[in-house]
Amino acid sequence: MSSCEAAGEWQRAIGVLDTTQLSTSNLYCLNAAISACEKGGAWLEALQLYEHVRSMQNEDNAVRPNFITVNAIIIALDKANQRDLAETIYEDAVRDNIVSSWKWRYDSTDGEKKMMMVSVR
């Protein structure tokens, strides 16, 4: 799955999930598939996977969206100019205690002070 993510092969990533039964996939695989969709420009498919992960948290299942899940879907939506939808997902993630509100942090790559989303867990 991570190979599909790295190459942006979202169709293949979704195919792998289909063959492994989406309902039993772990969060690592689902996050990698969302990231593959983001890299491949398939924001609608990324959104469908994200909604699937959210629906799984309502079942007696340990799979719940985490910081990586939220980050991947927000990037996919932002790249597709779906900023209102990305903002809604971010607000839901803050409410669900997955991420905290935006905070000023120093970027380790260039030392610049930037607004960043921070994991709560």
PDB file of N, CA and C in Angstrom:
ATOM      1  N   MET A   1       0.818  -1.184   0.000  1.00  0.00           N
ATOM      2  CA  MET A   1       0.000   0.000   0.000  1.00  0.00           C
ATOM      3  C   MET A   1       0.864   1.250   0.000  1.00  0.00           C
ATOM      4  N   SER A   2       1.954   1.237   0.775  1.00  0.00           N
ATOM      5  CA  SER A   2       2.803   2.428   0.817  1.00  0.00           C
ATOM      6  C   SER A   2       3.467   2.694  -0.530  1.00  0.00           C
ATOM      7  N   SER A   3       3.702   1.658  -1.329  1.00  0.00           N
ATOM      8  CA  SER A   3       4.247   1.849  -2.680  1.00  0.00           C
ATOM      9  C   SER A   3       3.240   2.584  -3.556  1.00  0.00           C
ATOM     10  N   CYS A   4       1.970   2.220  -3.416  1.00  0.00           N
ATOM     11  CA  CYS A   4       0.913   2.911  -4.162  1.00  0.00           C
ATOM     12  C   CYS A   4       0.854   4.368  -3.745  1.00  0.00           C
ATOM     13  N   GLU A   5       0.980   4.614  -2.444  1.00  0.00           N
ATOM     14  CA  GLU A   5       0.955   5.980  -1.938  1.00  0.00           C
ATOM     15  C   GLU A   5       2.101   6.796  -2.515  1.00  0.00           C
ATOM     16  N   ALA A   6       3.310   6.259  -2.448  1.00  0.00           N
ATOM     17  CA  ALA A   6       4.491   6.977  -2.916  1.00  0.00           C
ATOM     18  C   ALA A   6       4.391   7.326  -4.397  1.00  0.00           C
ATOM     19  N   ALA A   7       3.783   6.445  -5.175  1.00  0.00           N
ATOM     20  CA  ALA A   7       3.667   6.661  -6.618  1.00  0.00           C
ATOM     21  C   ALA A   7       2.385   7.392  -7.010  1.00  0.00           C
ATOM     22  N   GLY A   8       1.518   7.666  -6.046  1.00  0.00           N
ATOM     23  CA  GLY A   8       0.251   8.310  -6.368  1.00  0.00           C
ATOM     24  C   GLY A   8      -0.677   7.410  -7.160  1.00  0.00           C
ATOM     25  N   GLU A   9      -0.493   6.114  -7.025  1.00  0.00           N
ATOM     26  CA  GLU A   9      -1.297   5.121  -7.753  1.00  0.00           C
ATOM     27  C   GLU A   9      -2.595   4.850  -6.992  1.00  0.00           C
ATOM     28  N   TRP A  10      -3.479   5.834  -7.002  1.00  0.00           N
ATOM     29  CA  TRP A  10      -4.690   5.734  -6.199  1.00  0.00           C
ATOM     30  C   TRP A  10      -5.615   4.617  -6.675  1.00  0.00           C
ATOM     31  N   GLN A  11      -5.670   4.375  -8.003  1.00  0.00           N
ATOM     32  CA  GLN A  11      -6.542   3.301  -8.498  1.00  0.00           C
ATOM     33  C   GLN A  11      -6.078   1.947  -7.952  1.00  0.00           C
ATOM     34  N   ARG A  12      -4.780   1.738  -7.974  1.00  0.00           N
ATOM     35  CA  ARG A  12      -4.215   0.486  -7.463  1.00  0.00           C
ATOM     36  C   ARG A  12      -4.435   0.375  -5.953  1.00  0.00           C
ATOM     37  N   ALA A  13      -4.269   1.483  -5.220  1.00  0.00           N
ATOM     38  CA  ALA A  13      -4.476   1.465  -3.773  1.00  0.00           C
ATOM     39  C   ALA A  13      -5.913   1.080  -3.438  1.00  0.00           C
ATOM     40  N   ILE A  14      -6.865   1.649  -4.158  1.00  0.00           N
ATOM     41  CA  ILE A  14      -8.266   1.304  -3.917  1.00  0.00           C
ATOM     42  C   ILE A  14      -8.527  -0.142  -4.314  1.00  0.00           C
ATOM     43  N   GLY A  15      -7.884  -0.609  -5.372  1.00  0.00           N
ATOM     44  CA  GLY A  15      -8.006  -2.006  -5.775  1.00  0.00           C
ATOM     45  C   GLY A  15      -7.503  -2.951  -4.702  1.00  0.00           C
ATOM     46  N   VAL A  16      -6.380  -2.588  -4.085  1.00  0.00           N
ATOM     47  CA  VAL A  16      -5.843  -3.416  -2.996  1.00  0.00           C
ATOM     48  C   VAL A  16      -6.823  -3.440  -1.833  1.00  0.00           C
ATOM     49  N   LEU A  17      -7.383  -2.288  -1.492  1.00  0.00           N
ATOM     50  CA  LEU A  17      -8.371  -2.246  -0.406  1.00  0.00           C
ATOM     51  C   LEU A  17      -9.585  -3.098  -0.739  1.00  0.00           C
ATOM     52  N   ASP A  18     -10.027  -3.050  -1.993  1.00  0.00           N
ATOM     53  CA  ASP A  18     -11.186  -3.858  -2.396  1.00  0.00           C
ATOM     54  C   ASP A  18     -10.909  -5.350  -2.231  1.00  0.00           C
ATOM     55  N   THR A  19      -9.699  -5.773  -2.578  1.00  0.00           N
ATOM     56  CA  THR A  19      -9.380  -7.200  -2.482  1.00  0.00           C
ATOM     57  C   THR A  19      -9.167  -7.647  -1.042  1.00  0.00           C
ATOM     58  N   THR A  20      -8.812  -6.714  -0.157  1.00  0.00           N
ATOM     59  CA  THR A  20      -8.598  -7.078   1.242  1.00  0.00           C
ATOM     60  C   THR A  20      -9.827  -6.771   2.095  1.00  0.00           C
ATOM     61  N   GLN A  21     -10.916  -6.495   1.480  1.00  0.00           N
ATOM     62  CA  GLN A  21     -12.173  -6.152   2.149  1.00  0.00           C
ATOM     63  C   GLN A  21     -12.007  -4.874   2.963  1.00  0.00           C
ATOM     64  N   LEU A  22     -12.506  -3.822   2.399  1.00  0.00           N
ATOM     65  CA  LEU A  22     -12.386  -2.485   2.972  1.00  0.00           C
ATOM     66  C   LEU A  22     -12.790  -2.433   4.444  1.00  0.00           C
ATOM     67  N   SER A  23     -13.781  -3.184   4.823  1.00  0.00           N
ATOM     68  CA  SER A  23     -14.264  -3.115   6.207  1.00  0.00           C
ATOM     69  C   SER A  23     -13.267  -3.678   7.216  1.00  0.00           C
ATOM     70  N   THR A  24     -12.323  -4.492   6.778  1.00  0.00           N
ATOM     71  CA  THR A  24     -11.342  -5.060   7.706  1.00  0.00           C
ATOM     72  C   THR A  24      -9.963  -4.430   7.561  1.00  0.00           C
ATOM     73  N   SER A  25      -9.835  -3.419   6.722  1.00  0.00           N
ATOM     74  CA  SER A  25      -8.541  -2.764   6.522  1.00  0.00           C
ATOM     75  C   SER A  25      -8.150  -1.987   7.773  1.00  0.00           C
ATOM     76  N   ASN A  26      -6.854  -1.924   8.021  1.00  0.00           N
ATOM     77  CA  ASN A  26      -6.401  -1.161   9.173  1.00  0.00           C
ATOM     78  C   ASN A  26      -6.200   0.301   8.788  1.00  0.00           C
ATOM     79  N   LEU A  27      -6.049   1.146   9.789  1.00  0.00           N
ATOM     80  CA  LEU A  27      -5.950   2.580   9.555  1.00  0.00           C
ATOM     81  C   LEU A  27      -4.715   2.940   8.747  1.00  0.00           C
ATOM     82  N   TYR A  28      -3.618   2.213   8.955  1.00  0.00           N
ATOM     83  CA  TYR A  28      -2.397   2.475   8.193  1.00  0.00           C
ATOM     84  C   TYR A  28      -2.673   2.358   6.691  1.00  0.00           C
ATOM     85  N   CYS A  29      -3.345   1.287   6.282  1.00  0.00           N
ATOM     86  CA  CYS A  29      -3.665   1.079   4.865  1.00  0.00           C
ATOM     87  C   CYS A  29      -4.630   2.132   4.353  1.00  0.00           C
ATOM     88  N   LEU A  30      -5.634   2.446   5.148  1.00  0.00           N
ATOM     89  CA  LEU A  30      -6.615   3.454   4.731  1.00  0.00           C
ATOM     90  C   LEU A  30      -5.961   4.830   4.597  1.00  0.00           C
ATOM     91  N   ASN A  31      -5.085   5.196   5.535  1.00  0.00           N
ATOM     92  CA  ASN A  31      -4.377   6.472   5.438  1.00  0.00           C
ATOM     93  C   ASN A  31      -3.487   6.515   4.200  1.00  0.00           C
ATOM     94  N   ALA A  32      -2.799   5.409   3.916  1.00  0.00           N
ATOM     95  CA  ALA A  32      -1.943   5.345   2.728  1.00  0.00           C
ATOM     96  C   ALA A  32      -2.777   5.485   1.459  1.00  0.00           C
ATOM     97  N   ALA A  33      -3.955   4.893   1.432  1.00  0.00           N
ATOM     98  CA  ALA A  33      -4.827   4.995   0.259  1.00  0.00           C
ATOM     99  C   ALA A  33      -5.336   6.423   0.088  1.00  0.00           C
ATOM    100  N   ILE A  34      -5.690   7.094   1.189  1.00  0.00           N
ATOM    101  CA  ILE A  34      -6.117   8.500   1.102  1.00  0.00           C
ATOM    102  C   ILE A  34      -4.967   9.352   0.571  1.00  0.00           C
ATOM    103  N   SER A  35      -3.762   9.102   1.059  1.00  0.00           N
ATOM    104  CA  SER A  35      -2.588   9.857   0.573  1.00  0.00           C
ATOM    105  C   SER A  35      -2.310   9.571  -0.897  1.00  0.00           C
ATOM    106  N   ALA A  36      -2.496   8.322  -1.328  1.00  0.00           N
ATOM    107  CA  ALA A  36      -2.314   7.985  -2.748  1.00  0.00           C
ATOM    108  C   ALA A  36      -3.325   8.758  -3.597  1.00  0.00           C
ATOM    109  N   CYS A  37      -4.561   8.848  -3.119  1.00  0.00           N
ATOM    110  CA  CYS A  37      -5.579   9.624  -3.832  1.00  0.00           C
ATOM    111  C   CYS A  37      -5.179  11.094  -3.898  1.00  0.00           C
ATOM    112  N   GLU A  38      -4.670  11.616  -2.797  1.00  0.00           N
ATOM    113  CA  GLU A  38      -4.216  13.015  -2.770  1.00  0.00           C
ATOM    114  C   GLU A  38      -3.127  13.250  -3.796  1.00  0.00           C
ATOM    115  N   LYS A  39      -2.133  12.361  -3.826  1.00  0.00           N
ATOM    116  CA  LYS A  39      -1.021  12.515  -4.775  1.00  0.00           C
ATOM    117  C   LYS A  39      -1.466  12.348  -6.221  1.00  0.00           C
ATOM    118  N   GLY A  40      -2.503  11.531  -6.436  1.00  0.00           N
ATOM    119  CA  GLY A  40      -3.016  11.309  -7.778  1.00  0.00           C
ATOM    120  C   GLY A  40      -4.115  12.268  -8.192  1.00  0.00           C
ATOM    121  N   GLY A  41      -4.439  13.235  -7.335  1.00  0.00           N
ATOM    122  CA  GLY A  41      -5.449  14.226  -7.673  1.00  0.00           C
ATOM    123  C   GLY A  41      -6.879  13.704  -7.606  1.00  0.00           C
ATOM    124  N   ALA A  42      -7.089  12.606  -6.916  1.00  0.00           N
ATOM    125  CA  ALA A  42      -8.417  11.992  -6.830  1.00  0.00           C
ATOM    126  C   ALA A  42      -9.070  12.382  -5.496  1.00  0.00           C
ATOM    127  N   TRP A  43      -9.431  13.651  -5.363  1.00  0.00           N
ATOM    128  CA  TRP A  43      -9.948  14.146  -4.091  1.00  0.00           C
ATOM    129  C   TRP A  43     -11.290  13.535  -3.726  1.00  0.00           C
ATOM    130  N   LEU A  44     -12.122  13.259  -4.703  1.00  0.00           N
ATOM    131  CA  LEU A  44     -13.428  12.674  -4.413  1.00  0.00           C
ATOM    132  C   LEU A  44     -13.282  11.263  -3.835  1.00  0.00           C
ATOM    133  N   GLU A  45     -12.369  10.487  -4.398  1.00  0.00           N
ATOM    134  CA  GLU A  45     -12.107   9.145  -3.880  1.00  0.00           C
ATOM    135  C   GLU A  45     -11.493   9.216  -2.480  1.00  0.00           C
ATOM    136  N   ALA A  46     -10.601  10.200  -2.269  1.00  0.00           N
ATOM    137  CA  ALA A  46     -10.020  10.396  -0.937  1.00  0.00           C
ATOM    138  C   ALA A  46     -11.114  10.721   0.072  1.00  0.00           C
ATOM    139  N   LEU A  47     -12.059  11.558  -0.332  1.00  0.00           N
ATOM    140  CA  LEU A  47     -13.163  11.917   0.546  1.00  0.00           C
ATOM    141  C   LEU A  47     -14.034  10.701   0.867  1.00  0.00           C
ATOM    142  N   GLN A  48     -14.273   9.865  -0.115  1.00  0.00           N
ATOM    143  CA  GLN A  48     -15.062   8.651   0.122  1.00  0.00           C
ATOM    144  C   GLN A  48     -14.359   7.734   1.124  1.00  0.00           C
ATOM    145  N   LEU A  49     -13.045   7.573   0.977  1.00  0.00           N
ATOM    146  CA  LEU A  49     -12.292   6.756   1.934  1.00  0.00           C
ATOM    147  C   LEU A  49     -12.332   7.370   3.334  1.00  0.00           C
ATOM    148  N   TYR A  50     -12.182   8.683   3.409  1.00  0.00           N
ATOM    149  CA  TYR A  50     -12.240   9.369   4.698  1.00  0.00           C
ATOM    150  C   TYR A  50     -13.604   9.150   5.364  1.00  0.00           C
ATOM    151  N   GLU A  51     -14.664   9.298   4.591  1.00  0.00           N
ATOM    152  CA  GLU A  51     -16.010   9.079   5.135  1.00  0.00           C
ATOM    153  C   GLU A  51     -16.178   7.630   5.588  1.00  0.00           C
ATOM    154  N   HIS A  52     -15.558   6.703   4.869  1.00  0.00           N
ATOM    155  CA  HIS A  52     -15.605   5.296   5.287  1.00  0.00           C
ATOM    156  C   HIS A  52     -14.919   5.119   6.652  1.00  0.00           C
ATOM    157  N   VAL A  53     -13.764   5.738   6.821  1.00  0.00           N
ATOM    158  CA  VAL A  53     -13.052   5.649   8.104  1.00  0.00           C
ATOM    159  C   VAL A  53     -13.927   6.238   9.213  1.00  0.00           C
ATOM    160  N   ARG A  54     -14.547   7.368   8.950  1.00  0.00           N
ATOM    161  CA  ARG A  54     -15.412   7.989   9.969  1.00  0.00           C
ATOM    162  C   ARG A  54     -16.600   7.092  10.315  1.00  0.00           C
ATOM    163  N   SER A  55     -17.139   6.420   9.311  1.00  0.00           N
ATOM    164  CA  SER A  55     -18.288   5.541   9.579  1.00  0.00           C
ATOM    165  C   SER A  55     -17.865   4.319  10.404  1.00  0.00           C
ATOM    166  N   MET A  56     -16.614   3.899  10.245  1.00  0.00           N
ATOM    167  CA  MET A  56     -16.120   2.750  10.999  1.00  0.00           C
ATOM    168  C   MET A  56     -15.995   3.064  12.486  1.00  0.00           C
ATOM    169  N   GLN A  57     -15.780   4.330  12.846  1.00  0.00           N
ATOM    170  CA  GLN A  57     -15.626   4.678  14.254  1.00  0.00           C
ATOM    171  C   GLN A  57     -16.945   4.559  15.007  1.00  0.00           C
ATOM    172  N   ASN A  58     -18.059   4.549  14.296  1.00  0.00           N
ATOM    173  CA  ASN A  58     -19.360   4.413  14.938  1.00  0.00           C
ATOM    174  C   ASN A  58     -19.698   2.955  15.231  1.00  0.00           C
ATOM    175  N   GLU A  59     -18.938   2.053  14.643  1.00  0.00           N
ATOM    176  CA  GLU A  59     -19.125   0.632  14.895  1.00  0.00           C
ATOM    177  C   GLU A  59     -18.236   0.239  16.080  1.00  0.00           C
ATOM    178  N   ASP A  60     -18.359  -0.972  16.540  1.00  0.00           N
ATOM    179  CA  ASP A  60     -17.461  -1.452  17.598  1.00  0.00           C
ATOM    180  C   ASP A  60     -16.131  -1.826  16.969  1.00  0.00           C
ATOM    181  N   ASN A  61     -15.397  -0.826  16.561  1.00  0.00           N
ATOM    182  CA  ASN A  61     -14.181  -1.028  15.798  1.00  0.00           C
ATOM    183  C   ASN A  61     -13.117  -0.068  16.323  1.00  0.00           C
ATOM    184  N   ALA A  62     -11.897  -0.507  16.377  1.00  0.00           N
ATOM    185  CA  ALA A  62     -10.810   0.328  16.883  1.00  0.00           C
ATOM    186  C   ALA A  62     -10.325   1.345  15.855  1.00  0.00           C
ATOM    187  N   VAL A  63     -10.781   1.253  14.613  1.00  0.00           N
ATOM    188  CA  VAL A  63     -10.321   2.173  13.571  1.00  0.00           C
ATOM    189  C   VAL A  63     -11.058   3.497  13.701  1.00  0.00           C
ATOM    190  N   ARG A  64     -10.280   4.545  13.958  1.00  0.00           N
ATOM    191  CA  ARG A  64     -10.813   5.897  14.057  1.00  0.00           C
ATOM    192  C   ARG A  64      -9.855   6.826  13.328  1.00  0.00           C
ATOM    193  N   PRO A  65     -10.364   7.901  12.742  1.00  0.00           N
ATOM    194  CA  PRO A  65      -9.452   8.843  12.079  1.00  0.00           C
ATOM    195  C   PRO A  65      -8.429   9.373  13.077  1.00  0.00           C
ATOM    196  N   ASN A  66      -7.218   9.596  12.601  1.00  0.00           N
ATOM    197  CA  ASN A  66      -6.189  10.188  13.449  1.00  0.00           C
ATOM    198  C   ASN A  66      -5.614  11.414  12.737  1.00  0.00           C
ATOM    199  N   PHE A  67      -4.562  11.963  13.284  1.00  0.00           N
ATOM    200  CA  PHE A  67      -3.945  13.166  12.711  1.00  0.00           C
ATOM    201  C   PHE A  67      -3.543  12.939  11.253  1.00  0.00           C
ATOM    202  N   ILE A  68      -2.980  11.784  10.964  1.00  0.00           N
ATOM    203  CA  ILE A  68      -2.528  11.477   9.594  1.00  0.00           C
ATOM    204  C   ILE A  68      -3.715  11.428   8.639  1.00  0.00           C
ATOM    205  N   THR A  69      -4.818  10.825   9.078  1.00  0.00           N
ATOM    206  CA  THR A  69      -6.023  10.748   8.259  1.00  0.00           C
ATOM    207  C   THR A  69      -6.517  12.148   7.915  1.00  0.00           C
ATOM    208  N   VAL A  70      -6.637  12.978   8.935  1.00  0.00           N
ATOM    209  CA  VAL A  70      -7.156  14.337   8.752  1.00  0.00           C
ATOM    210  C   VAL A  70      -6.209  15.162   7.887  1.00  0.00           C
ATOM    211  N   ASN A  71      -4.927  15.056   8.145  1.00  0.00           N
ATOM    212  CA  ASN A  71      -3.942  15.797   7.365  1.00  0.00           C
ATOM    213  C   ASN A  71      -4.013  15.410   5.882  1.00  0.00           C
ATOM    214  N   ALA A  72      -4.093  14.118   5.594  1.00  0.00           N
ATOM    215  CA  ALA A  72      -4.127  13.647   4.206  1.00  0.00           C
ATOM    216  C   ALA A  72      -5.366  14.146   3.474  1.00  0.00           C
ATOM    217  N   ILE A  73      -6.529  14.087   4.112  1.00  0.00           N
ATOM    218  CA  ILE A  73      -7.748  14.519   3.422  1.00  0.00           C
ATOM    219  C   ILE A  73      -7.760  16.038   3.258  1.00  0.00           C
ATOM    220  N   ILE A  74      -7.260  16.774   4.237  1.00  0.00           N
ATOM    221  CA  ILE A  74      -7.223  18.235   4.106  1.00  0.00           C
ATOM    222  C   ILE A  74      -6.293  18.651   2.971  1.00  0.00           C
ATOM    223  N   ILE A  75      -5.154  17.997   2.843  1.00  0.00           N
ATOM    224  CA  ILE A  75      -4.235  18.319   1.740  1.00  0.00           C
ATOM    225  C   ILE A  75      -4.888  17.997   0.402  1.00  0.00           C
ATOM    226  N   ALA A  76      -5.546  16.834   0.307  1.00  0.00           N
ATOM    227  CA  ALA A  76      -6.214  16.444  -0.944  1.00  0.00           C
ATOM    228  C   ALA A  76      -7.274  17.468  -1.332  1.00  0.00           C
ATOM    229  N   LEU A  77      -8.068  17.900  -0.366  1.00  0.00           N
ATOM    230  CA  LEU A  77      -9.123  18.870  -0.648  1.00  0.00           C
ATOM    231  C   LEU A  77      -8.553  20.240  -0.966  1.00  0.00           C
ATOM    232  N   ASP A  78      -7.506  20.636  -0.270  1.00  0.00           N
ATOM    233  CA  ASP A  78      -6.883  21.928  -0.541  1.00  0.00           C
ATOM    234  C   ASP A  78      -6.312  21.980  -1.953  1.00  0.00           C
ATOM    235  N   LYS A  79      -5.640  20.919  -2.372  1.00  0.00           N
ATOM    236  CA  LYS A  79      -5.079  20.866  -3.729  1.00  0.00           C
ATOM    237  C   LYS A  79      -6.162  20.938  -4.805  1.00  0.00           C
ATOM    238  N   ALA A  80      -7.378  20.461  -4.451  1.00  0.00           N
ATOM    239  CA  ALA A  80      -8.492  20.465  -5.403  1.00  0.00           C
ATOM    240  C   ALA A  80      -9.350  21.724  -5.258  1.00  0.00           C
ATOM    241  N   ASN A  81      -8.859  22.704  -4.510  1.00  0.00           N
ATOM    242  CA  ASN A  81      -9.588  23.954  -4.272  1.00  0.00           C
ATOM    243  C   ASN A  81     -10.938  23.727  -3.597  1.00  0.00           C
ATOM    244  N   GLN A  82     -11.028  22.702  -2.777  1.00  0.00           N
ATOM    245  CA  GLN A  82     -12.239  22.402  -2.008  1.00  0.00           C
ATOM    246  C   GLN A  82     -12.016  22.881  -0.569  1.00  0.00           C
ATOM    247  N   ARG A  83     -11.698  24.158  -0.439  1.00  0.00           N
ATOM    248  CA  ARG A  83     -11.270  24.681   0.860  1.00  0.00           C
ATOM    249  C   ARG A  83     -12.393  24.743   1.891  1.00  0.00           C
ATOM    250  N   ASP A  84     -13.622  24.992   1.469  1.00  0.00           N
ATOM    251  CA  ASP A  84     -14.733  25.009   2.427  1.00  0.00           C
ATOM    252  C   ASP A  84     -14.933  23.626   3.039  1.00  0.00           C
ATOM    253  N   LEU A  85     -14.843  22.612   2.208  1.00  0.00           N
ATOM    254  CA  LEU A  85     -14.983  21.239   2.694  1.00  0.00           C
ATOM    255  C   LEU A  85     -13.802  20.876   3.609  1.00  0.00           C
ATOM    256  N   ALA A  86     -12.606  21.292   3.225  1.00  0.00           N
ATOM    257  CA  ALA A  86     -11.423  21.049   4.065  1.00  0.00           C
ATOM    258  C   ALA A  86     -11.589  21.726   5.425  1.00  0.00           C
ATOM    259  N   GLU A  87     -12.106  22.930   5.435  1.00  0.00           N
ATOM    260  CA  GLU A  87     -12.325  23.658   6.693  1.00  0.00           C
ATOM    261  C   GLU A  87     -13.346  22.939   7.570  1.00  0.00           C
ATOM    262  N   THR A  88     -14.394  22.414   6.965  1.00  0.00           N
ATOM    263  CA  THR A  88     -15.408  21.666   7.715  1.00  0.00           C
ATOM    264  C   THR A  88     -14.799  20.419   8.354  1.00  0.00           C
ATOM    265  N   ILE A  89     -13.988  19.707   7.592  1.00  0.00           N
ATOM    266  CA  ILE A  89     -13.338  18.498   8.126  1.00  0.00           C
ATOM    267  C   ILE A  89     -12.383  18.865   9.255  1.00  0.00           C
ATOM    268  N   TYR A  90     -11.642  19.954   9.079  1.00  0.00           N
ATOM    269  CA  TYR A  90     -10.739  20.425  10.140  1.00  0.00           C
ATOM    270  C   TYR A  90     -11.531  20.758  11.409  1.00  0.00           C
ATOM    271  N   GLU A  91     -12.627  21.486  11.267  1.00  0.00           N
ATOM    272  CA  GLU A  91     -13.438  21.854  12.431  1.00  0.00           C
ATOM    273  C   GLU A  91     -14.000  20.615  13.127  1.00  0.00           C
ATOM    274  N   ASP A  92     -14.433  19.617  12.332  1.00  0.00           N
ATOM    275  CA  ASP A  92     -14.905  18.357  12.911  1.00  0.00           C
ATOM    276  C   ASP A  92     -13.781  17.660  13.684  1.00  0.00           C
ATOM    277  N   ALA A  93     -12.568  17.689  13.133  1.00  0.00           N
ATOM    278  CA  ALA A  93     -11.424  17.037  13.775  1.00  0.00           C
ATOM    279  C   ALA A  93     -11.053  17.737  15.085  1.00  0.00           C
ATOM    280  N   VAL A  94     -11.170  19.057  15.113  1.00  0.00           N
ATOM    281  CA  VAL A  94     -10.924  19.792  16.361  1.00  0.00           C
ATOM    282  C   VAL A  94     -11.994  19.408  17.381  1.00  0.00           C
ATOM    283  N   ARG A  95     -13.253  19.398  16.953  1.00  0.00           N
ATOM    284  CA  ARG A  95     -14.360  19.035  17.845  1.00  0.00           C
ATOM    285  C   ARG A  95     -14.197  17.603  18.379  1.00  0.00           C
ATOM    286  N   ASP A  96     -13.731  16.679  17.505  1.00  0.00           N
ATOM    287  CA  ASP A  96     -13.560  15.274  17.891  1.00  0.00           C
ATOM    288  C   ASP A  96     -12.252  15.019  18.636  1.00  0.00           C
ATOM    289  N   ASN A  97     -11.500  16.094  18.904  1.00  0.00           N
ATOM    290  CA  ASN A  97     -10.250  16.012  19.663  1.00  0.00           C
ATOM    291  C   ASN A  97      -9.174  15.187  18.953  1.00  0.00           C
ATOM    292  N   ILE A  98      -9.144  15.275  17.624  1.00  0.00           N
ATOM    293  CA  ILE A  98      -8.112  14.606  16.831  1.00  0.00           C
ATOM    294  C   ILE A  98      -6.940  15.553  16.621  1.00  0.00           C
ATOM    295  N   VAL A  99      -7.246  16.806  16.357  1.00  0.00           N
ATOM    296  CA  VAL A  99      -6.222  17.839  16.194  1.00  0.00           C
ATOM    297  C   VAL A  99      -6.591  19.016  17.083  1.00  0.00           C
ATOM    298  N   SER A 100      -5.596  19.837  17.391  1.00  0.00           N
ATOM    299  CA  SER A 100      -5.871  21.054  18.146  1.00  0.00           C
ATOM    300  C   SER A 100      -6.044  22.199  17.159  1.00  0.00           C
ATOM    301  N   SER A 101      -6.448  23.317  17.669  1.00  0.00           N
ATOM    302  CA  SER A 101      -6.556  24.498  16.808  1.00  0.00           C
ATOM    303  C   SER A 101      -5.181  24.832  16.237  1.00  0.00           C
ATOM    304  N   TRP A 102      -5.175  25.579  15.137  1.00  0.00           N
ATOM    305  CA  TRP A 102      -3.917  25.984  14.512  1.00  0.00           C
ATOM    306  C   TRP A 102      -3.035  26.666  15.552  1.00  0.00           C
ATOM    307  N   LYS A 103      -1.749  26.353  15.516  1.00  0.00           N
ATOM    308  CA  LYS A 103      -0.791  26.946  16.442  1.00  0.00           C
ATOM    309  C   LYS A 103       0.418  27.451  15.650  1.00  0.00           C
ATOM    310  N   TRP A 104       1.045  28.479  16.187  1.00  0.00           N
ATOM    311  CA  TRP A 104       2.284  28.963  15.591  1.00  0.00           C
ATOM    312  C   TRP A 104       3.410  28.031  16.011  1.00  0.00           C
ATOM    313  N   ARG A 105       4.144  27.542  15.035  1.00  0.00           N
ATOM    314  CA  ARG A 105       5.289  26.656  15.280  1.00  0.00           C
ATOM    315  C   ARG A 105       6.424  27.060  14.338  1.00  0.00           C
ATOM    316  N   TYR A 106       7.639  26.733  14.746  1.00  0.00           N
ATOM    317  CA  TYR A 106       8.786  26.964  13.870  1.00  0.00           C
ATOM    318  C   TYR A 106       8.966  25.752  12.974  1.00  0.00           C
ATOM    319  N   ASP A 107       9.039  25.988  11.684  1.00  0.00           N
ATOM    320  CA  ASP A 107       9.243  24.925  10.695  1.00  0.00           C
ATOM    321  C   ASP A 107      10.701  24.485  10.770  1.00  0.00           C
ATOM    322  N   SER A 108      10.911  23.193  10.989  1.00  0.00           N
ATOM    323  CA  SER A 108      12.279  22.686  11.142  1.00  0.00           C
ATOM    324  C   SER A 108      13.076  22.736   9.846  1.00  0.00           C
ATOM    325  N   THR A 109      12.404  22.859   8.707  1.00  0.00           N
ATOM    326  CA  THR A 109      13.132  22.866   7.432  1.00  0.00           C
ATOM    327  C   THR A 109      13.739  24.223   7.114  1.00  0.00           C
ATOM    328  N   ASP A 110      13.049  25.300   7.498  1.00  0.00           N
ATOM    329  CA  ASP A 110      13.580  26.613   7.154  1.00  0.00           C
ATOM    330  C   ASP A 110      13.630  27.593   8.324  1.00  0.00           C
ATOM    331  N   GLY A 111      13.192  27.163   9.501  1.00  0.00           N
ATOM    332  CA  GLY A 111      13.249  28.018  10.678  1.00  0.00           C
ATOM    333  C   GLY A 111      12.194  29.104  10.725  1.00  0.00           C
ATOM    334  N   GLU A 112      11.321  29.157   9.731  1.00  0.00           N
ATOM    335  CA  GLU A 112      10.262  30.166   9.672  1.00  0.00           C
ATOM    336  C   GLU A 112       9.147  29.820  10.653  1.00  0.00           C
ATOM    337  N   LYS A 113       8.537  30.836  11.219  1.00  0.00           N
ATOM    338  CA  LYS A 113       7.389  30.635  12.089  1.00  0.00           C
ATOM    339  C   LYS A 113       6.144  30.524  11.208  1.00  0.00           C
ATOM    340  N   LYS A 114       5.385  29.413  11.376  1.00  0.00           N
ATOM    341  CA  LYS A 114       4.232  29.150  10.519  1.00  0.00           C
ATOM    342  C   LYS A 114       3.074  28.620  11.353  1.00  0.00           C
ATOM    343  N   MET A 115       1.862  28.795  10.814  1.00  0.00           N
ATOM    344  CA  MET A 115       0.684  28.194  11.438  1.00  0.00           C
ATOM    345  C   MET A 115       0.672  26.715  11.067  1.00  0.00           C
ATOM    346  N   MET A 116       0.486  25.839  12.068  1.00  0.00           N
ATOM    347  CA  MET A 116       0.484  24.405  11.821  1.00  0.00           C
ATOM    348  C   MET A 116      -0.634  23.743  12.612  1.00  0.00           C
ATOM    349  N   MET A 117      -1.142  22.665  12.044  1.00  0.00           N
ATOM    350  CA  MET A 117      -2.108  21.825  12.721  1.00  0.00           C
ATOM    351  C   MET A 117      -1.310  20.881  13.622  1.00  0.00           C
ATOM    352  N   VAL A 118      -1.775  20.655  14.846  1.00  0.00           N
ATOM    353  CA  VAL A 118      -1.028  19.860  15.808  1.00  0.00           C
ATOM    354  C   VAL A 118      -1.889  18.688  16.278  1.00  0.00           C
ATOM    355  N   SER A 119      -1.281  17.524  16.364  1.00  0.00           N
ATOM    356  CA  SER A 119      -1.971  16.340  16.852  1.00  0.00           C
ATOM    357  C   SER A 119      -2.274  16.464  18.335  1.00  0.00           C
ATOM    358  N   VAL A 120      -3.458  16.012  18.735  1.00  0.00           N
ATOM    359  CA  VAL A 120      -3.826  16.040  20.151  1.00  0.00           C
ATOM    360  C   VAL A 120      -3.307  14.806  20.850  1.00  0.00           C
ATOM    361  N   ARG A 121      -3.357  13.667  20.168  1.00  0.00           N
ATOM    362  CA  ARG A 121      -2.974  12.396  20.796  1.00  0.00           C
ATOM    363  C   ARG A 121      -1.514  12.111  20.677  1.00  0.00           C
TER     364      ARG A 121
END
